[in-house]
Amino acid sequence: NPWQALYDPSRKPLRAAGQFMKENANVAAQYVDWLAPGDEA
């Protein structure tokens, strides 16, 4: 199939490294919610 490599799930971020790092930094920041107070008193 000519599209196999194009959509291969094991492909690495290479040229998209900036976007890859940005999204994973965003995920890491969400764990700060453990330290935040709840929504309601």
PDB file of all heavy atoms in Angstrom:
ATOM      1  N   ASN A   1       0.852  -1.178   0.000  1.00  0.00           N
ATOM      2  CA  ASN A   1       0.000   0.000   0.000  1.00  0.00           C
ATOM      3  C   ASN A   1       0.897   1.240   0.000  1.00  0.00           C
ATOM      4  O   ASN A   1       1.795   1.346   0.852  1.00  0.00           O
ATOM      5  CB  ASN A   1      -0.927   0.017   1.219  1.00  0.00           C
ATOM      6  CG  ASN A   1      -1.950   1.135   1.167  1.00  0.00           C
ATOM      7  OD1 ASN A   1      -1.608   2.309   1.250  1.00  0.00           O
ATOM      8  ND2 ASN A   1      -3.218   0.768   1.024  1.00  0.00           N
ATOM      9  N   PRO A   2       0.693   2.175  -0.897  1.00  0.00           N
ATOM     10  CA  PRO A   2       1.593   3.346  -1.007  1.00  0.00           C
ATOM     11  C   PRO A   2       1.515   4.292   0.177  1.00  0.00           C
ATOM     12  O   PRO A   2       2.373   5.168   0.317  1.00  0.00           O
ATOM     13  CB  PRO A   2       1.102   4.044  -2.283  1.00  0.00           C
ATOM     14  CG  PRO A   2      -0.333   3.622  -2.421  1.00  0.00           C
ATOM     15  CD  PRO A   2      -0.373   2.218  -1.915  1.00  0.00           C
ATOM     16  N   TRP A   3       0.499   4.130   1.044  1.00  0.00           N
ATOM     17  CA  TRP A   3       0.324   5.053   2.172  1.00  0.00           C
ATOM     18  C   TRP A   3       0.851   4.483   3.493  1.00  0.00           C
ATOM     19  O   TRP A   3       0.715   5.125   4.534  1.00  0.00           O
ATOM     20  CB  TRP A   3      -1.155   5.391   2.342  1.00  0.00           C
ATOM     21  CG  TRP A   3      -1.847   5.790   1.072  1.00  0.00           C
ATOM     22  CD1 TRP A   3      -1.312   6.506   0.033  1.00  0.00           C
ATOM     23  CD2 TRP A   3      -3.192   5.482   0.687  1.00  0.00           C
ATOM     24  NE1 TRP A   3      -2.250   6.672  -0.962  1.00  0.00           N
ATOM     25  CE2 TRP A   3      -3.410   6.063  -0.593  1.00  0.00           C
ATOM     26  CE3 TRP A   3      -4.242   4.798   1.306  1.00  0.00           C
ATOM     27  CZ2 TRP A   3      -4.632   5.954  -1.263  1.00  0.00           C
ATOM     28  CZ3 TRP A   3      -5.460   4.691   0.643  1.00  0.00           C
ATOM     29  CH2 TRP A   3      -5.647   5.264  -0.630  1.00  0.00           C
ATOM     30  N   GLN A   4       1.438   3.317   3.460  1.00  0.00           N
ATOM     31  CA  GLN A   4       1.836   2.648   4.703  1.00  0.00           C
ATOM     32  C   GLN A   4       2.799   3.491   5.537  1.00  0.00           C
ATOM     33  O   GLN A   4       2.585   3.700   6.741  1.00  0.00           O
ATOM     34  CB  GLN A   4       2.471   1.291   4.392  1.00  0.00           C
ATOM     35  CG  GLN A   4       2.908   0.518   5.636  1.00  0.00           C
ATOM     36  CD  GLN A   4       3.433  -0.868   5.300  1.00  0.00           C
ATOM     37  OE1 GLN A   4       3.267  -1.363   4.181  1.00  0.00           O
ATOM     38  NE2 GLN A   4       4.071  -1.509   6.277  1.00  0.00           N
ATOM     39  N   ALA A   5       3.874   3.989   4.926  1.00  0.00           N
ATOM     40  CA  ALA A   5       4.859   4.781   5.667  1.00  0.00           C
ATOM     41  C   ALA A   5       4.292   6.132   6.081  1.00  0.00           C
ATOM     42  O   ALA A   5       4.626   6.666   7.146  1.00  0.00           O
ATOM     43  CB  ALA A   5       6.117   4.965   4.829  1.00  0.00           C
ATOM     44  N   LEU A   6       3.429   6.700   5.244  1.00  0.00           N
ATOM     45  CA  LEU A   6       2.842   8.003   5.527  1.00  0.00           C
ATOM     46  C   LEU A   6       2.105   8.006   6.862  1.00  0.00           C
ATOM     47  O   LEU A   6       2.230   8.941   7.655  1.00  0.00           O
ATOM     48  CB  LEU A   6       1.881   8.395   4.403  1.00  0.00           C
ATOM     49  CG  LEU A   6       1.156   9.741   4.554  1.00  0.00           C
ATOM     50  CD1 LEU A   6       2.139  10.887   4.389  1.00  0.00           C
ATOM     51  CD2 LEU A   6       0.017   9.843   3.531  1.00  0.00           C
ATOM     52  N   TYR A   7       1.336   6.953   7.123  1.00  0.00           N
ATOM     53  CA  TYR A   7       0.490   6.904   8.316  1.00  0.00           C
ATOM     54  C   TYR A   7       1.039   5.984   9.415  1.00  0.00           C
ATOM     55  O   TYR A   7       0.354   5.745  10.414  1.00  0.00           O
ATOM     56  CB  TYR A   7      -0.920   6.451   7.927  1.00  0.00           C
ATOM     57  CG  TYR A   7      -1.642   7.447   7.047  1.00  0.00           C
ATOM     58  CD1 TYR A   7      -1.894   7.167   5.702  1.00  0.00           C
ATOM     59  CD2 TYR A   7      -2.057   8.671   7.551  1.00  0.00           C
ATOM     60  CE1 TYR A   7      -2.555   8.083   4.889  1.00  0.00           C
ATOM     61  CE2 TYR A   7      -2.716   9.596   6.745  1.00  0.00           C
ATOM     62  CZ  TYR A   7      -2.967   9.295   5.420  1.00  0.00           C
ATOM     63  OH  TYR A   7      -3.609  10.207   4.626  1.00  0.00           O
ATOM     64  N   ASP A   8       2.249   5.485   9.249  1.00  0.00           N
ATOM     65  CA  ASP A   8       2.837   4.534  10.195  1.00  0.00           C
ATOM     66  C   ASP A   8       2.794   5.075  11.630  1.00  0.00           C
ATOM     67  O   ASP A   8       3.392   6.115  11.926  1.00  0.00           O
ATOM     68  CB  ASP A   8       4.283   4.256   9.792  1.00  0.00           C
ATOM     69  CG  ASP A   8       4.938   3.187  10.653  1.00  0.00           C
ATOM     70  OD1 ASP A   8       4.275   2.661  11.576  1.00  0.00           O
ATOM     71  OD2 ASP A   8       6.114   2.869  10.402  1.00  0.00           O
ATOM     72  N   PRO A   9       2.110   4.391  12.559  1.00  0.00           N
ATOM     73  CA  PRO A   9       2.013   4.880  13.938  1.00  0.00           C
ATOM     74  C   PRO A   9       3.345   4.959  14.676  1.00  0.00           C
ATOM     75  O   PRO A   9       3.450   5.654  15.683  1.00  0.00           O
ATOM     76  CB  PRO A   9       1.090   3.845  14.607  1.00  0.00           C
ATOM     77  CG  PRO A   9       0.276   3.289  13.489  1.00  0.00           C
ATOM     78  CD  PRO A   9       1.232   3.217  12.335  1.00  0.00           C
ATOM     79  N   SER A  10       4.359   4.268  14.179  1.00  0.00           N
ATOM     80  CA  SER A  10       5.654   4.277  14.877  1.00  0.00           C
ATOM     81  C   SER A  10       6.557   5.426  14.424  1.00  0.00           C
ATOM     82  O   SER A  10       7.675   5.563  14.928  1.00  0.00           O
ATOM     83  CB  SER A  10       6.384   2.945  14.653  1.00  0.00           C
ATOM     84  OG  SER A  10       6.746   2.793  13.294  1.00  0.00           O
ATOM     85  N   ARG A  11       6.080   6.274  13.518  1.00  0.00           N
ATOM     86  CA  ARG A  11       6.934   7.354  13.012  1.00  0.00           C
ATOM     87  C   ARG A  11       7.313   8.325  14.139  1.00  0.00           C
ATOM     88  O   ARG A  11       6.572   8.533  15.086  1.00  0.00           O
ATOM     89  CB  ARG A  11       6.244   8.095  11.863  1.00  0.00           C
ATOM     90  CG  ARG A  11       4.999   8.875  12.247  1.00  0.00           C
ATOM     91  CD  ARG A  11       4.343   9.472  10.996  1.00  0.00           C
ATOM     92  NE  ARG A  11       3.216  10.343  11.293  1.00  0.00           N
ATOM     93  CZ  ARG A  11       1.953   9.948  11.379  1.00  0.00           C
ATOM     94  NH1 ARG A  11       1.650   8.660  11.204  1.00  0.00           N
ATOM     95  NH2 ARG A  11       0.999  10.826  11.646  1.00  0.00           N
ATOM     96  N   LYS A  12       8.498   8.929  13.980  1.00  0.00           N
ATOM     97  CA  LYS A  12       9.040   9.825  14.999  1.00  0.00           C
ATOM     98  C   LYS A  12       8.732  11.288  14.645  1.00  0.00           C
ATOM     99  O   LYS A  12       8.526  11.630  13.490  1.00  0.00           O
ATOM    100  CB  LYS A  12      10.556   9.643  15.113  1.00  0.00           C
ATOM    101  CG  LYS A  12      10.988   8.227  15.465  1.00  0.00           C
ATOM    102  CD  LYS A  12      10.450   7.806  16.826  1.00  0.00           C
ATOM    103  CE  LYS A  12      11.101   6.503  17.284  1.00  0.00           C
ATOM    104  NZ  LYS A  12      10.741   5.353  16.429  1.00  0.00           N
ATOM    105  N   PRO A  13       8.723  12.185  15.654  1.00  0.00           N
ATOM    106  CA  PRO A  13       8.347  13.575  15.408  1.00  0.00           C
ATOM    107  C   PRO A  13       9.329  14.388  14.581  1.00  0.00           C
ATOM    108  O   PRO A  13       8.959  15.366  13.978  1.00  0.00           O
ATOM    109  CB  PRO A  13       8.200  14.160  16.805  1.00  0.00           C
ATOM    110  CG  PRO A  13       8.764  13.203  17.738  1.00  0.00           C
ATOM    111  CD  PRO A  13       8.868  11.885  17.064  1.00  0.00           C
ATOM    112  N   LEU A  14      10.603  14.080  14.556  1.00  0.00           N
ATOM    113  CA  LEU A  14      11.610  14.741  13.738  1.00  0.00           C
ATOM    114  C   LEU A  14      11.303  16.209  13.448  1.00  0.00           C
ATOM    115  O   LEU A  14      11.483  17.068  14.283  1.00  0.00           O
ATOM    116  CB  LEU A  14      11.820  13.948  12.444  1.00  0.00           C
ATOM    117  CG  LEU A  14      12.308  12.502  12.645  1.00  0.00           C
ATOM    118  CD1 LEU A  14      12.458  11.785  11.322  1.00  0.00           C
ATOM    119  CD2 LEU A  14      13.595  12.460  13.441  1.00  0.00           C
ATOM    120  N   ARG A  15      10.811  16.544  12.242  1.00  0.00           N
ATOM    121  CA  ARG A  15      10.568  17.950  11.890  1.00  0.00           C
ATOM    122  C   ARG A  15       9.467  18.581  12.735  1.00  0.00           C
ATOM    123  O   ARG A  15       9.360  19.802  12.803  1.00  0.00           O
ATOM    124  CB  ARG A  15      10.167  18.060  10.417  1.00  0.00           C
ATOM    125  CG  ARG A  15      11.248  17.658   9.432  1.00  0.00           C
ATOM    126  CD  ARG A  15      10.848  18.166   8.046  1.00  0.00           C
ATOM    127  NE  ARG A  15      11.308  17.264   6.997  1.00  0.00           N
ATOM    128  CZ  ARG A  15      11.129  17.483   5.709  1.00  0.00           C
ATOM    129  NH1 ARG A  15      10.492  18.568   5.312  1.00  0.00           N
ATOM    130  NH2 ARG A  15      11.568  16.632   4.815  1.00  0.00           N
ATOM    131  N   ALA A  16       8.630  17.743  13.354  1.00  0.00           N
ATOM    132  CA  ALA A  16       7.535  18.270  14.186  1.00  0.00           C
ATOM    133  C   ALA A  16       7.900  18.256  15.662  1.00  0.00           C
ATOM    134  O   ALA A  16       7.031  18.263  16.526  1.00  0.00           O
ATOM    135  CB  ALA A  16       6.267  17.454  13.950  1.00  0.00           C
ATOM    136  N   ALA A  17       9.201  18.272  15.952  1.00  0.00           N
ATOM    137  CA  ALA A  17       9.640  18.168  17.345  1.00  0.00           C
ATOM    138  C   ALA A  17       9.105  19.312  18.206  1.00  0.00           C
ATOM    139  O   ALA A  17       8.756  19.116  19.374  1.00  0.00           O
ATOM    140  CB  ALA A  17      11.170  18.138  17.407  1.00  0.00           C
ATOM    141  N   GLY A  18       9.018  20.512  17.623  1.00  0.00           N
ATOM    142  CA  GLY A  18       8.514  21.654  18.400  1.00  0.00           C
ATOM    143  C   GLY A  18       7.092  21.449  18.857  1.00  0.00           C
ATOM    144  O   GLY A  18       6.757  21.688  20.028  1.00  0.00           O
ATOM    145  N   GLN A  19       6.218  20.994  17.954  1.00  0.00           N
ATOM    146  CA  GLN A  19       4.827  20.733  18.311  1.00  0.00           C
ATOM    147  C   GLN A  19       4.732  19.591  19.307  1.00  0.00           C
ATOM    148  O   GLN A  19       3.938  19.622  20.254  1.00  0.00           O
ATOM    149  CB  GLN A  19       4.022  20.397  17.047  1.00  0.00           C
ATOM    150  CG  GLN A  19       2.534  20.197  17.274  1.00  0.00           C
ATOM    151  CD  GLN A  19       1.819  21.474  17.677  1.00  0.00           C
ATOM    152  OE1 GLN A  19       2.354  22.563  17.485  1.00  0.00           O
ATOM    153  NE2 GLN A  19       0.628  21.350  18.233  1.00  0.00           N
ATOM    154  N   PHE A  20       5.552  18.561  19.114  1.00  0.00           N
ATOM    155  CA  PHE A  20       5.590  17.410  20.009  1.00  0.00           C
ATOM    156  C   PHE A  20       5.929  17.854  21.433  1.00  0.00           C
ATOM    157  O   PHE A  20       5.256  17.482  22.403  1.00  0.00           O
ATOM    158  CB  PHE A  20       6.637  16.421  19.489  1.00  0.00           C
ATOM    159  CG  PHE A  20       6.883  15.234  20.386  1.00  0.00           C
ATOM    160  CD1 PHE A  20       6.039  14.135  20.353  1.00  0.00           C
ATOM    161  CD2 PHE A  20       7.972  15.205  21.249  1.00  0.00           C
ATOM    162  CE1 PHE A  20       6.277  13.030  21.167  1.00  0.00           C
ATOM    163  CE2 PHE A  20       8.208  14.115  22.057  1.00  0.00           C
ATOM    164  CZ  PHE A  20       7.366  13.022  22.009  1.00  0.00           C
ATOM    165  N   MET A  21       6.970  18.680  21.585  1.00  0.00           N
ATOM    166  CA  MET A  21       7.396  19.137  22.908  1.00  0.00           C
ATOM    167  C   MET A  21       6.357  20.070  23.532  1.00  0.00           C
ATOM    168  O   MET A  21       6.089  20.010  24.736  1.00  0.00           O
ATOM    169  CB  MET A  21       8.753  19.839  22.798  1.00  0.00           C
ATOM    170  CG  MET A  21       9.877  18.911  22.381  1.00  0.00           C
ATOM    171  SD  MET A  21      11.442  19.778  22.083  1.00  0.00           S
ATOM    172  CE  MET A  21      11.784  20.399  23.720  1.00  0.00           C
ATOM    173  N   LYS A  22       5.737  20.919  22.710  1.00  0.00           N
ATOM    174  CA  LYS A  22       4.736  21.858  23.212  1.00  0.00           C
ATOM    175  C   LYS A  22       3.547  21.118  23.824  1.00  0.00           C
ATOM    176  O   LYS A  22       3.097  21.440  24.935  1.00  0.00           O
ATOM    177  CB  LYS A  22       4.267  22.762  22.075  1.00  0.00           C
ATOM    178  CG  LYS A  22       3.140  23.717  22.462  1.00  0.00           C
ATOM    179  CD  LYS A  22       2.671  24.517  21.243  1.00  0.00           C
ATOM    180  CE  LYS A  22       1.465  25.371  21.598  1.00  0.00           C
ATOM    181  NZ  LYS A  22       0.967  26.117  20.401  1.00  0.00           N
ATOM    182  N   GLU A  23       3.028  20.125  23.101  1.00  0.00           N
ATOM    183  CA  GLU A  23       1.855  19.400  23.593  1.00  0.00           C
ATOM    184  C   GLU A  23       2.181  18.582  24.835  1.00  0.00           C
ATOM    185  O   GLU A  23       1.376  18.503  25.764  1.00  0.00           O
ATOM    186  CB  GLU A  23       1.285  18.495  22.494  1.00  0.00           C
ATOM    187  CG  GLU A  23       0.671  19.245  21.320  1.00  0.00           C
ATOM    188  CD  GLU A  23      -0.603  20.009  21.678  1.00  0.00           C
ATOM    189  OE1 GLU A  23      -1.028  19.975  22.853  1.00  0.00           O
ATOM    190  OE2 GLU A  23      -1.179  20.642  20.780  1.00  0.00           O
ATOM    191  N   ASN A  24       3.362  17.979  24.887  1.00  0.00           N
ATOM    192  CA  ASN A  24       3.704  17.178  26.054  1.00  0.00           C
ATOM    193  C   ASN A  24       4.024  18.038  27.267  1.00  0.00           C
ATOM    194  O   ASN A  24       3.786  17.637  28.405  1.00  0.00           O
ATOM    195  CB  ASN A  24       4.853  16.222  25.715  1.00  0.00           C
ATOM    196  CG  ASN A  24       4.372  15.018  24.937  1.00  0.00           C
ATOM    197  OD1 ASN A  24       3.763  14.110  25.490  1.00  0.00           O
ATOM    198  ND2 ASN A  24       4.615  15.017  23.643  1.00  0.00           N
ATOM    199  N   ALA A  25       4.533  19.255  27.039  1.00  0.00           N
ATOM    200  CA  ALA A  25       4.726  20.187  28.148  1.00  0.00           C
ATOM    201  C   ALA A  25       3.369  20.607  28.713  1.00  0.00           C
ATOM    202  O   ALA A  25       3.194  20.758  29.929  1.00  0.00           O
ATOM    203  CB  ALA A  25       5.512  21.407  27.683  1.00  0.00           C
ATOM    204  N   ASN A  26       2.392  20.772  27.815  1.00  0.00           N
ATOM    205  CA  ASN A  26       1.038  21.111  28.249  1.00  0.00           C
ATOM    206  C   ASN A  26       0.457  20.003  29.112  1.00  0.00           C
ATOM    207  O   ASN A  26      -0.185  20.258  30.136  1.00  0.00           O
ATOM    208  CB  ASN A  26       0.155  21.360  27.021  1.00  0.00           C
ATOM    209  CG  ASN A  26      -1.299  21.592  27.388  1.00  0.00           C
ATOM    210  OD1 ASN A  26      -2.068  20.641  27.535  1.00  0.00           O
ATOM    211  ND2 ASN A  26      -1.685  22.846  27.528  1.00  0.00           N
ATOM    212  N   VAL A  27       0.687  18.761  28.717  1.00  0.00           N
ATOM    213  CA  VAL A  27       0.192  17.625  29.508  1.00  0.00           C
ATOM    214  C   VAL A  27       0.846  17.619  30.883  1.00  0.00           C
ATOM    215  O   VAL A  27       0.174  17.450  31.912  1.00  0.00           O
ATOM    216  CB  VAL A  27       0.473  16.298  28.775  1.00  0.00           C
ATOM    217  CG1 VAL A  27       0.209  15.109  29.703  1.00  0.00           C
ATOM    218  CG2 VAL A  27      -0.396  16.188  27.530  1.00  0.00           C
ATOM    219  N   ALA A  28       2.152  17.808  30.914  1.00  0.00           N
ATOM    220  CA  ALA A  28       2.857  17.795  32.193  1.00  0.00           C
ATOM    221  C   ALA A  28       2.326  18.863  33.136  1.00  0.00           C
ATOM    222  O   ALA A  28       2.212  18.654  34.360  1.00  0.00           O
ATOM    223  CB  ALA A  28       4.356  17.996  31.955  1.00  0.00           C
ATOM    224  N   ALA A  29       1.945  20.013  32.577  1.00  0.00           N
ATOM    225  CA  ALA A  29       1.455  21.111  33.406  1.00  0.00           C
ATOM    226  C   ALA A  29       0.133  20.786  34.076  1.00  0.00           C
ATOM    227  O   ALA A  29      -0.199  21.354  35.128  1.00  0.00           O
ATOM    228  CB  ALA A  29       1.295  22.368  32.542  1.00  0.00           C
ATOM    229  N   GLN A  30      -0.628  19.843  33.509  1.00  0.00           N
ATOM    230  CA  GLN A  30      -1.946  19.529  34.076  1.00  0.00           C
ATOM    231  C   GLN A  30      -1.837  18.811  35.421  1.00  0.00           C
ATOM    232  O   GLN A  30      -2.782  18.820  36.215  1.00  0.00           O
ATOM    233  CB  GLN A  30      -2.761  18.675  33.097  1.00  0.00           C
ATOM    234  CG  GLN A  30      -2.942  19.298  31.721  1.00  0.00           C
ATOM    235  CD  GLN A  30      -3.330  20.762  31.794  1.00  0.00           C
ATOM    236  OE1 GLN A  30      -4.290  21.140  32.483  1.00  0.00           O
ATOM    237  NE2 GLN A  30      -2.587  21.606  31.083  1.00  0.00           N
ATOM    238  N   TYR A  31      -0.706  18.196  35.694  1.00  0.00           N
ATOM    239  CA  TYR A  31      -0.553  17.499  36.975  1.00  0.00           C
ATOM    240  C   TYR A  31      -0.470  18.473  38.148  1.00  0.00           C
ATOM    241  O   TYR A  31      -0.590  18.074  39.303  1.00  0.00           O
ATOM    242  CB  TYR A  31       0.673  16.579  36.931  1.00  0.00           C
ATOM    243  CG  TYR A  31       0.441  15.354  36.079  1.00  0.00           C
ATOM    244  CD1 TYR A  31       0.836  15.328  34.748  1.00  0.00           C
ATOM    245  CD2 TYR A  31      -0.211  14.232  36.591  1.00  0.00           C
ATOM    246  CE1 TYR A  31       0.603  14.216  33.939  1.00  0.00           C
ATOM    247  CE2 TYR A  31      -0.443  13.123  35.802  1.00  0.00           C
ATOM    248  CZ  TYR A  31      -0.038  13.113  34.487  1.00  0.00           C
ATOM    249  OH  TYR A  31      -0.286  12.011  33.694  1.00  0.00           O
ATOM    250  N   VAL A  32      -0.300  19.761  37.830  1.00  0.00           N
ATOM    251  CA  VAL A  32      -0.314  20.782  38.884  1.00  0.00           C
ATOM    252  C   VAL A  32      -1.692  20.848  39.543  1.00  0.00           C
ATOM    253  O   VAL A  32      -1.841  21.322  40.674  1.00  0.00           O
ATOM    254  CB  VAL A  32       0.090  22.157  38.294  1.00  0.00           C
ATOM    255  CG1 VAL A  32      -0.025  23.262  39.338  1.00  0.00           C
ATOM    256  CG2 VAL A  32       1.523  22.095  37.766  1.00  0.00           C
ATOM    257  N   ASP A  33      -2.732  20.352  38.834  1.00  0.00           N
ATOM    258  CA  ASP A  33      -4.082  20.358  39.406  1.00  0.00           C
ATOM    259  C   ASP A  33      -4.152  19.619  40.737  1.00  0.00           C
ATOM    260  O   ASP A  33      -5.053  19.850  41.536  1.00  0.00           O
ATOM    261  CB  ASP A  33      -5.076  19.724  38.426  1.00  0.00           C
ATOM    262  CG  ASP A  33      -5.399  20.659  37.273  1.00  0.00           C
ATOM    263  OD1 ASP A  33      -5.118  21.862  37.403  1.00  0.00           O
ATOM    264  OD2 ASP A  33      -5.937  20.189  36.248  1.00  0.00           O
ATOM    265  N   TRP A  34      -3.199  18.731  40.976  1.00  0.00           N
ATOM    266  CA  TRP A  34      -3.177  18.034  42.270  1.00  0.00           C
ATOM    267  C   TRP A  34      -2.971  19.014  43.424  1.00  0.00           C
ATOM    268  O   TRP A  34      -3.412  18.777  44.548  1.00  0.00           O
ATOM    269  CB  TRP A  34      -2.056  16.992  42.276  1.00  0.00           C
ATOM    270  CG  TRP A  34      -2.493  15.671  41.722  1.00  0.00           C
ATOM    271  CD1 TRP A  34      -2.202  15.153  40.502  1.00  0.00           C
ATOM    272  CD2 TRP A  34      -3.304  14.690  42.378  1.00  0.00           C
ATOM    273  NE1 TRP A  34      -2.784  13.918  40.339  1.00  0.00           N
ATOM    274  CE2 TRP A  34      -3.458  13.612  41.491  1.00  0.00           C
ATOM    275  CE3 TRP A  34      -3.912  14.627  43.629  1.00  0.00           C
ATOM    276  CZ2 TRP A  34      -4.197  12.472  41.817  1.00  0.00           C
ATOM    277  CZ3 TRP A  34      -4.648  13.492  43.952  1.00  0.00           C
ATOM    278  CH2 TRP A  34      -4.785  12.433  43.063  1.00  0.00           C
ATOM    279  N   LEU A  35      -2.281  20.119  43.131  1.00  0.00           N
ATOM    280  CA  LEU A  35      -1.969  21.078  44.182  1.00  0.00           C
ATOM    281  C   LEU A  35      -3.025  22.159  44.323  1.00  0.00           C
ATOM    282  O   LEU A  35      -3.054  22.880  45.321  1.00  0.00           O
ATOM    283  CB  LEU A  35      -0.610  21.743  43.882  1.00  0.00           C
ATOM    284  CG  LEU A  35       0.574  20.782  43.700  1.00  0.00           C
ATOM    285  CD1 LEU A  35       1.816  21.579  43.332  1.00  0.00           C
ATOM    286  CD2 LEU A  35       0.794  19.947  44.953  1.00  0.00           C
ATOM    287  N   ALA A  36      -3.882  22.283  43.312  1.00  0.00           N
ATOM    288  CA  ALA A  36      -4.884  23.341  43.317  1.00  0.00           C
ATOM    289  C   ALA A  36      -6.048  22.975  44.231  1.00  0.00           C
ATOM    290  O   ALA A  36      -6.335  21.802  44.454  1.00  0.00           O
ATOM    291  CB  ALA A  36      -5.393  23.582  41.899  1.00  0.00           C
ATOM    292  N   PRO A  37      -6.760  23.974  44.750  1.00  0.00           N
ATOM    293  CA  PRO A  37      -7.953  23.678  45.543  1.00  0.00           C
ATOM    294  C   PRO A  37      -9.062  23.161  44.644  1.00  0.00           C
ATOM    295  O   PRO A  37      -8.973  23.232  43.421  1.00  0.00           O
ATOM    296  CB  PRO A  37      -8.318  25.042  46.140  1.00  0.00           C
ATOM    297  CG  PRO A  37      -7.750  26.022  45.176  1.00  0.00           C
ATOM    298  CD  PRO A  37      -6.474  25.407  44.665  1.00  0.00           C
ATOM    299  N   GLY A  38     -10.130  22.654  45.223  1.00  0.00           N
ATOM    300  CA  GLY A  38     -11.257  22.164  44.446  1.00  0.00           C
ATOM    301  C   GLY A  38     -12.056  23.301  43.849  1.00  0.00           C
ATOM    302  O   GLY A  38     -11.827  24.477  44.105  1.00  0.00           O
ATOM    303  N   ASP A  39     -13.058  22.945  43.033  1.00  0.00           N
ATOM    304  CA  ASP A  39     -13.903  23.949  42.388  1.00  0.00           C
ATOM    305  C   ASP A  39     -14.858  24.609  43.377  1.00  0.00           C
ATOM    306  O   ASP A  39     -15.205  25.769  43.240  1.00  0.00           O
ATOM    307  CB  ASP A  39     -14.732  23.301  41.273  1.00  0.00           C
ATOM    308  CG  ASP A  39     -13.849  22.718  40.176  1.00  0.00           C
ATOM    309  OD1 ASP A  39     -12.739  23.237  40.001  1.00  0.00           O
ATOM    310  OD2 ASP A  39     -14.276  21.761  39.522  1.00  0.00           O
ATOM    311  N   GLU A  40     -15.345  23.827  44.327  1.00  0.00           N
ATOM    312  CA  GLU A  40     -16.346  24.313  45.273  1.00  0.00           C
ATOM    313  C   GLU A  40     -15.791  24.203  46.695  1.00  0.00           C
ATOM    314  O   GLU A  40     -15.053  23.278  47.020  1.00  0.00           O
ATOM    315  CB  GLU A  40     -17.630  23.486  45.171  1.00  0.00           C
ATOM    316  CG  GLU A  40     -18.258  23.502  43.781  1.00  0.00           C
ATOM    317  CD  GLU A  40     -19.025  24.775  43.502  1.00  0.00           C
ATOM    318  OE1 GLU A  40     -19.240  25.553  44.455  1.00  0.00           O
ATOM    319  OE2 GLU A  40     -19.409  24.990  42.342  1.00  0.00           O
ATOM    320  N   ALA A  41     -16.152  25.148  47.552  1.00  0.00           N
ATOM    321  CA  ALA A  41     -15.690  25.081  48.940  1.00  0.00           C
ATOM    322  C   ALA A  41     -16.389  23.963  49.697  1.00  0.00           C
ATOM    323  O   ALA A  41     -15.840  23.396  50.627  1.00  0.00           O
ATOM    324  CB  ALA A  41     -15.933  26.423  49.630  1.00  0.00           C
TER     325      ALA A  41
END
